[in-house]
Protein backbone atom coordinates (compact mmCIF):
# COMPACT_ATOMS: atom_id res chain seq x y z
CA MET A 1 97.65 64.14 124.05
CA GLN A 2 99.19 64.39 127.30
CA PRO A 3 96.62 66.51 129.81
CA ASP A 4 99.50 68.81 130.78
CA GLN A 5 100.71 70.34 127.15
CA ALA A 6 98.96 70.32 124.08
CA HIS A 7 100.25 69.51 120.57
CA VAL A 8 102.08 72.61 119.31
CA THR A 9 103.44 74.14 115.58
CA PRO A 10 107.35 73.94 115.96
CA GLY A 11 108.80 77.20 116.66
CA MET A 12 106.30 78.01 118.88
CA PRO A 13 107.03 77.53 123.32
CA PRO A 14 105.36 74.60 124.70
CA LEU A 15 101.17 74.78 125.16
CA HIS A 16 100.30 73.73 129.14
CA HIS A 17 96.94 73.52 129.61
CA ASP A 18 97.82 72.19 133.54
CA GLY A 19 95.85 74.31 135.78
CA LYS A 20 92.42 75.97 134.53
CA THR A 21 91.63 75.60 130.41
CA VAL A 22 89.85 79.00 130.19
CA SER A 23 89.59 82.07 132.10
CA PHE A 24 85.94 82.89 134.22
CA PHE A 25 85.13 85.85 131.53
CA GLU A 26 86.87 84.32 128.44
CA PHE A 27 83.84 83.61 127.03
CA TRP A 28 81.30 85.95 128.24
CA PRO A 29 79.15 87.89 125.61
CA LEU A 30 80.98 90.35 124.13
CA TRP A 31 78.29 93.14 124.73
CA LEU A 32 79.03 92.20 128.64
CA MET A 33 82.77 92.81 128.59
CA TYR A 34 82.16 95.79 127.13
CA ILE A 35 79.90 97.75 128.97
CA PRO A 36 82.26 99.59 130.62
CA VAL A 37 83.87 100.81 127.72
CA GLY A 38 80.88 102.08 126.78
CA LEU A 39 80.05 104.05 129.99
CA GLN A 40 83.59 105.28 129.57
CA TRP A 41 83.17 106.43 126.00
CA LEU A 42 79.78 108.66 126.77
CA LEU A 43 81.94 110.23 129.48
CA LEU A 44 84.82 111.21 127.20
CA ALA A 45 82.68 112.12 124.75
CA CYS A 46 80.80 114.56 127.37
CA ARG A 47 84.56 115.71 128.42
CA TYR A 48 85.74 116.00 124.91
CA ARG A 49 82.31 117.55 123.33
CA SER A 50 82.47 114.83 120.51
CA LEU A 51 80.82 111.31 120.47
CA THR A 52 83.28 110.27 116.97
CA LEU A 53 85.99 111.73 118.41
CA PRO A 54 88.01 108.43 117.98
CA LEU A 55 87.08 107.54 114.85
CA ILE A 56 90.04 109.72 113.44
CA ALA A 57 92.62 108.27 115.56
CA ASN A 58 93.77 107.04 112.35
CA PRO A 59 92.60 109.77 110.29
CA ARG A 60 93.25 108.62 106.33
CA LEU A 61 91.59 105.58 107.44
CA PRO A 62 86.98 106.38 106.75
CA VAL A 63 86.05 105.96 110.94
CA SER A 64 89.59 104.98 111.92
CA GLY A 65 88.61 101.48 110.41
CA MET A 66 86.20 101.09 113.35
CA VAL A 67 83.29 99.30 111.18
CA GLY A 68 82.34 98.85 107.82
CA VAL A 69 86.05 99.84 106.28
CA GLY A 70 87.62 96.85 104.06
CA LYS A 71 91.12 95.61 105.32
CA SER A 72 92.26 95.72 101.92
CA GLN A 73 92.05 99.67 102.48
CA VAL A 74 94.51 99.82 104.92
CA MET A 75 96.55 97.08 102.93
CA LYS A 76 96.49 99.32 100.23
CA GLN A 77 97.67 102.48 101.68
CA ALA A 78 101.10 100.37 102.89
CA ALA A 79 104.61 101.28 101.02
CA GLY A 80 108.23 100.21 101.38
CA ARG A 81 109.03 97.73 103.61
CA CYS A 82 105.64 97.48 105.28
CA ALA A 83 103.93 96.45 101.73
CA GLU A 84 106.80 94.04 101.06
CA SER A 85 105.98 92.32 104.51
CA ILE A 86 102.08 91.90 103.83
CA LEU A 87 101.06 88.48 102.39
CA PRO A 88 100.23 88.89 98.67
CA TRP A 89 96.51 89.68 97.92
CA ILE A 90 94.13 90.51 95.30
CA HIS A 91 90.66 92.19 96.09
CA HIS A 92 87.91 91.05 94.22
CA ARG A 93 84.09 92.27 94.23
CA THR A 94 81.47 89.65 93.65
CA ASP A 95 78.93 90.52 90.54
CA GLN A 96 76.55 89.25 88.34
CA GLU A 97 78.20 86.64 86.91
CA SER A 98 78.43 82.62 87.82
CA PRO A 99 80.56 81.77 90.81
CA GLU A 100 82.41 79.57 88.23
CA LEU A 101 83.17 82.71 86.07
CA GLN A 102 84.36 84.59 89.16
CA ALA A 103 86.42 81.73 90.35
CA ALA A 104 88.30 81.06 86.93
CA SER A 105 88.69 85.24 86.57
CA VAL A 106 90.22 84.96 90.74
CA VAL A 107 92.55 82.68 90.00
CA ALA A 108 93.77 83.93 87.23
CA GLN A 109 94.44 87.23 88.56
CA ALA A 110 95.68 85.73 91.96
CA GLY A 111 98.16 83.45 89.66
CA VAL A 112 100.00 87.18 88.32
CA ARG A 113 100.50 87.89 92.51
CA GLY A 114 102.16 84.20 92.63
CA ILE A 115 99.73 82.86 94.61
CA GLU A 116 98.86 79.17 94.27
CA TYR A 117 96.74 76.71 96.14
CA PRO A 118 96.00 76.37 98.98
CA PHE A 119 95.10 80.23 99.32
CA VAL A 120 92.75 81.93 101.74
CA CYS A 121 89.88 83.69 100.88
CA LYS A 122 88.15 85.95 103.64
CA PRO A 123 85.40 89.05 103.40
CA ASP A 124 87.04 92.72 103.08
CA ILE A 125 84.97 94.07 105.76
CA GLY A 126 84.57 91.42 108.64
CA CYS A 127 85.75 91.01 112.05
CA ARG A 128 87.02 88.48 114.34
CA GLY A 129 87.71 85.56 111.71
CA SER A 130 84.55 85.76 110.29
CA GLY A 131 84.01 83.90 106.59
CA VAL A 132 87.70 83.03 106.30
CA LYS A 133 88.37 79.83 104.57
CA LEU A 134 91.41 77.90 103.51
CA ILE A 135 90.91 77.03 99.26
CA HIS A 136 92.20 73.75 97.69
CA ASP A 137 90.80 73.75 94.48
CA ILE A 138 88.27 75.68 92.69
CA GLY A 139 85.17 74.01 93.24
CA GLN A 140 86.25 75.29 97.38
CA LEU A 141 86.41 78.84 96.09
CA GLU A 142 83.09 78.85 94.00
CA CYS A 143 81.35 77.49 96.82
CA CYS A 144 82.74 80.04 98.95
CA LEU A 145 82.29 82.87 96.39
CA ALA A 146 78.60 81.46 95.66
CA ALA A 147 77.66 82.18 99.59
CA TYR A 148 78.40 86.07 99.12
CA PRO A 149 75.67 88.59 97.81
CA GLN A 150 76.14 90.71 94.94
CA GLY A 151 79.12 93.87 95.65
CA VAL A 152 80.89 91.99 98.25
CA GLY A 153 84.39 92.47 98.54
CA VAL A 154 86.84 89.41 99.22
CA ILE A 155 90.03 89.34 99.46
CA VAL A 156 92.39 86.11 98.33
CA GLN A 157 95.73 86.17 99.98
CA LYS A 158 98.26 83.78 99.77
CA LEU A 159 99.52 80.93 102.12
CA ALA A 160 101.68 81.96 105.12
CA SER A 161 105.39 80.57 104.87
CA TRP A 162 105.03 79.83 108.91
CA GLU A 163 102.24 78.61 111.20
CA PRO A 164 103.26 80.09 114.31
CA GLU A 165 101.25 82.87 114.70
CA ALA A 166 100.92 85.92 116.86
CA GLY A 167 98.87 89.44 117.49
CA ILE A 168 101.11 92.97 118.01
CA PHE A 169 99.10 95.78 119.14
CA TYR A 170 101.04 98.95 118.61
CA VAL A 171 100.17 102.78 119.44
CA ARG A 172 102.23 106.12 118.11
CA SER A 173 101.10 109.30 119.29
CA PRO A 174 100.10 111.82 116.47
CA ASP A 175 102.87 114.49 118.13
CA GLU A 176 105.89 111.62 118.68
CA ARG A 177 108.28 109.82 116.03
CA THR A 178 108.45 106.91 117.42
CA GLY A 179 105.76 104.03 118.44
CA ARG A 180 105.75 101.08 120.98
CA ILE A 181 104.61 97.87 121.15
CA VAL A 182 101.78 97.91 124.06
CA SER A 183 100.71 94.39 123.55
CA LEU A 184 101.66 90.84 122.27
CA ALA A 185 100.16 87.36 122.43
CA LEU A 186 101.09 84.40 120.82
CA LYS A 187 98.19 82.60 119.05
CA TYR A 188 98.01 79.19 119.18
CA SER A 189 95.66 76.33 116.94
CA PRO A 190 93.59 73.77 119.15
CA TYR A 191 94.67 70.18 118.25
CA VAL A 192 93.31 66.61 119.43
CA THR A 193 95.70 63.59 119.16
CA GLY A 194 94.31 60.53 117.79
CA ASP A 195 94.59 57.59 119.47
CA GLY A 196 93.28 54.96 116.50
CA VAL A 197 90.02 53.87 118.26
CA SER A 198 88.40 56.78 119.05
CA THR A 199 86.35 59.44 116.64
CA LEU A 200 86.79 62.75 115.99
CA ALA A 201 84.04 63.71 118.34
CA GLN A 202 84.95 61.45 120.98
CA LEU A 203 88.07 62.83 121.19
CA ILE A 204 87.02 66.51 120.89
CA ALA A 205 84.56 65.80 123.98
CA ARG A 206 87.63 64.11 125.99
CA ASP A 207 89.57 66.88 125.82
CA ARG A 208 90.06 69.28 128.45
CA ARG A 209 90.03 72.07 126.98
CA ALA A 210 87.91 71.44 123.85
CA GLY A 211 85.31 69.81 125.56
CA ASN A 212 84.05 72.82 127.34
CA LEU A 213 84.10 74.31 124.02
CA GLN A 214 82.43 71.68 122.10
CA HIS A 215 79.88 74.57 120.38
CA LEU A 216 82.73 76.22 118.68
CA TYR A 217 83.87 73.05 116.84
CA ARG A 218 81.82 70.45 115.92
CA GLU A 219 79.44 72.66 113.51
CA ARG A 220 82.87 73.28 111.94
CA HIS A 221 83.88 69.66 111.34
CA ARG A 222 80.65 68.06 111.40
CA ALA A 223 81.74 65.99 107.96
CA HIS A 224 84.73 64.23 110.18
CA LEU A 225 83.23 63.91 113.43
CA ASP A 226 82.36 60.04 113.33
CA GLU A 227 85.48 59.24 111.96
CA VAL A 228 88.60 57.39 113.52
CA ILE A 229 91.81 59.80 114.24
CA GLU A 230 95.06 57.51 113.40
CA ARG A 231 97.32 57.24 116.69
CA GLY A 232 99.64 60.03 117.40
CA GLN A 233 98.17 62.07 113.55
CA SER A 234 97.41 65.55 115.15
CA PHE A 235 93.77 66.89 114.41
CA ARG A 236 93.70 70.87 114.05
CA LEU A 237 90.46 72.34 115.18
CA VAL A 238 90.59 75.94 114.03
CA PHE A 239 92.71 77.29 110.84
CA SER A 240 91.87 81.16 111.47
CA ILE A 241 92.73 81.49 115.37
CA THR A 242 90.55 84.16 116.56
CA HIS A 243 89.38 84.30 120.20
CA SER A 244 85.85 83.38 119.05
CA ARG A 245 85.98 80.60 116.89
CA GLY A 246 88.03 78.66 119.94
CA GLY A 247 91.65 79.81 119.16
CA ILE A 248 94.10 79.60 122.19
CA PHE A 249 96.21 82.89 123.00
CA ARG A 250 98.96 83.47 125.56
CA ASP A 251 100.09 86.27 126.94
CA GLY A 252 103.78 87.30 125.31
CA ASN A 253 104.63 90.65 126.70
CA ASP A 254 107.50 89.18 128.46
CA LEU A 255 108.72 88.46 124.63
CA ILE A 256 108.98 92.17 123.58
CA THR A 257 112.54 93.23 122.27
CA PRO A 258 114.04 96.61 121.68
CA GLU A 259 114.52 94.62 118.26
CA LEU A 260 111.10 93.51 117.49
CA THR A 261 109.83 97.22 118.53
CA ASP A 262 112.01 99.01 116.20
CA CYS A 263 111.23 96.57 113.32
CA ILE A 264 107.40 96.71 113.77
CA ASP A 265 107.80 100.79 113.99
CA ARG A 266 109.67 100.94 111.00
CA LEU A 267 106.74 98.77 109.10
CA MET A 268 104.22 101.09 110.56
CA SER A 269 105.85 103.72 109.06
CA ASP A 270 105.29 103.17 105.88
CA ILE A 271 101.50 103.39 106.35
CA PRO A 272 100.55 107.48 106.13
CA GLU A 273 98.92 108.60 109.71
CA PHE A 274 98.76 104.77 111.07
CA HIS A 275 98.82 105.52 114.89
CA TYR A 276 96.98 102.84 116.56
CA GLY A 277 96.16 99.19 115.96
CA ARG A 278 97.00 95.44 115.49
CA LEU A 279 99.10 93.03 113.36
CA ASP A 280 98.08 89.69 112.98
CA ILE A 281 101.45 88.26 111.67
CA LYS A 282 103.27 84.52 110.82
CA PHE A 283 106.90 84.34 112.05
CA SER A 284 109.66 81.29 111.89
CA ASN A 285 110.15 80.73 115.28
CA ILE A 286 109.74 82.70 118.62
CA GLN A 287 113.77 83.32 118.33
CA ARG A 288 113.03 85.12 114.87
CA LEU A 289 110.62 86.84 116.25
CA GLN A 290 112.29 88.55 119.31
CA GLN A 291 115.12 89.92 116.76
CA GLY A 292 111.93 91.46 114.36
CA LYS A 293 112.92 89.35 111.50
CA ASP A 294 110.83 86.36 109.35
CA ILE A 295 107.58 88.32 109.92
CA GLU A 296 104.53 88.23 107.44
CA ILE A 297 101.49 90.27 108.22
CA VAL A 298 98.20 88.60 107.35
CA GLU A 299 96.46 91.83 108.13
CA ILE A 300 96.17 95.03 110.32
CA ASN A 301 92.97 95.99 112.37
CA THR A 302 92.50 99.27 113.38
CA ALA A 303 90.24 101.10 115.60
CA SER A 304 87.97 98.43 116.78
CA ALA A 305 91.42 95.91 117.21
CA GLU A 306 91.90 94.42 120.91
CA SER A 307 94.82 93.51 122.71
CA LEU A 308 95.18 89.66 122.77
CA HIS A 309 96.69 89.28 125.57
CA ILE A 310 93.45 89.98 127.95
CA TRP A 311 92.32 86.23 126.59
CA ASP A 312 95.13 84.62 127.88
CA ARG A 313 93.58 82.00 130.36
CA ASN A 314 95.48 83.49 133.24
CA THR A 315 94.72 87.36 132.90
CA ARG A 316 92.29 88.55 135.51
CA LEU A 317 88.63 90.27 135.01
CA GLY A 318 90.20 93.78 136.52
CA THR A 319 93.59 93.73 133.99
CA ALA A 320 91.14 92.86 131.01
CA LEU A 321 88.84 95.30 131.47
CA LYS A 322 91.70 97.61 132.57
CA THR A 323 93.88 97.38 128.85
CA LEU A 324 90.45 97.42 127.22
CA LEU A 325 89.68 101.03 129.20
CA TRP A 326 92.58 101.84 128.67
CA GLN A 327 92.42 101.13 124.53
CA TYR A 328 89.75 103.96 124.33
CA ARG A 329 90.95 106.60 126.28
CA THR A 330 93.78 106.36 123.70
CA LEU A 331 91.49 106.60 120.67
CA PHE A 332 90.26 109.65 122.24
CA ARG A 333 93.76 111.15 123.11
CA PHE A 334 94.79 110.61 119.36
CA GLY A 335 91.66 112.16 118.29
CA GLN A 336 91.99 115.05 120.02
CA ILE A 337 95.54 115.34 118.99
CA ASN A 338 94.45 114.91 115.65
CA ARG A 339 91.30 117.26 115.77
CA LYS A 340 93.58 119.76 116.64
CA ARG A 341 95.63 119.48 113.20
CA GLY A 342 92.39 119.91 111.41
CA PHE A 343 90.78 116.54 110.89
CA VAL A 344 87.22 116.49 111.82
CA PRO A 345 85.67 113.50 113.24
CA PRO A 346 83.08 111.87 111.16
CA SER A 347 79.18 112.12 111.53
CA LEU A 348 77.03 109.30 113.13
CA SER A 349 74.81 109.04 110.49
CA GLU A 350 78.45 107.82 108.28
CA VAL A 351 79.21 105.38 111.45
CA ARG A 352 75.73 103.68 111.24
CA ASN A 353 75.53 103.36 107.68
CA ARG A 354 78.51 101.91 108.05
CA TRP A 355 77.87 99.60 110.60
CA ARG A 356 74.48 98.54 108.27
CA GLU A 357 76.65 97.83 106.00
CA GLU A 358 79.29 95.76 107.30
CA LYS A 359 75.74 93.67 109.64
CA ARG A 360 74.52 92.80 106.43
CA ALA A 361 77.28 91.16 104.64
CA SER A 362 78.50 89.45 107.30
CA ALA A 363 75.23 87.87 107.59
CA CYS A 364 75.96 86.06 104.18
CA TYR A 365 79.22 85.15 105.15
CA PRO A 366 80.59 81.20 105.12
CA LEU A 367 81.16 79.55 108.37
CA THR A 368 84.34 79.81 109.10
CA ASP A 369 87.45 77.24 109.38
């Protein structure tokens, strides 16, 4: 691999690694980044006289989707063009049957929706890419389902037509008819390229970026670390492109166009009372993305979503914090508008119970691909 440019999927802009490879705060503990957000939350809660006011920003979703709410709940609400743009999916709840019987049932249901191997299996309730698996055969599906405790929701979803991926953050005030894109980030899978001599472990260690994040990659590829990668062959280190798993993000705000904004606005208008969240999408190439075409929705993240451009290596800490603080001020503002419309903020006990349920379930999720 050239030191200044990495392998990228066709359809994505070049990914340069010259200069710094990560920002100095990019892999801080999450709680540290969110201390200012927590302090602002308390101040705004005093101002608006409610700790949970932001949790009615998307009032048709329990706690606005902040915690303990399944991805399936917002996808079920989608209609029209939005529903058609979401990659086909089914929902399965684990039960007392054996993993073999459950897997057979899942495959049968998936076939009805046109979902064939390889497909994606992921927990319904979860965040930051936890538990996402690429399933190639029924044996892998059985192992994946066996990892979940009884009563946990699982989503099986068709693999996207294209690999290029982006995170688009969208907001629409409850008192306005149209919304806007406030953030666009390109999501890259990290690769290393073989030389016919070095093992995967050696390639990871020598890579300018991956070498600093070996703890994120070695466990995931433990079975392949001693394999020699053929000369010129690119090895994908991350399937589920999330920040916490070692995905690479680049600020794409300069790619936002009126056509793309209009497309996303029309799609999100097909979800009732949806005002705030991020779409994780696949697309064919940058030009078609800017035209608002060839877009497949992987999932829709809601109140706890982040504007992903803050994890660009060149984003300054002040800019990232300013973005996060703006997001949560917006949640309070939208919540206040919806409270005036008659929606009631949830109780703290409901939020606590949902948080406990998500924590309990996520402790059992399989290792993310």
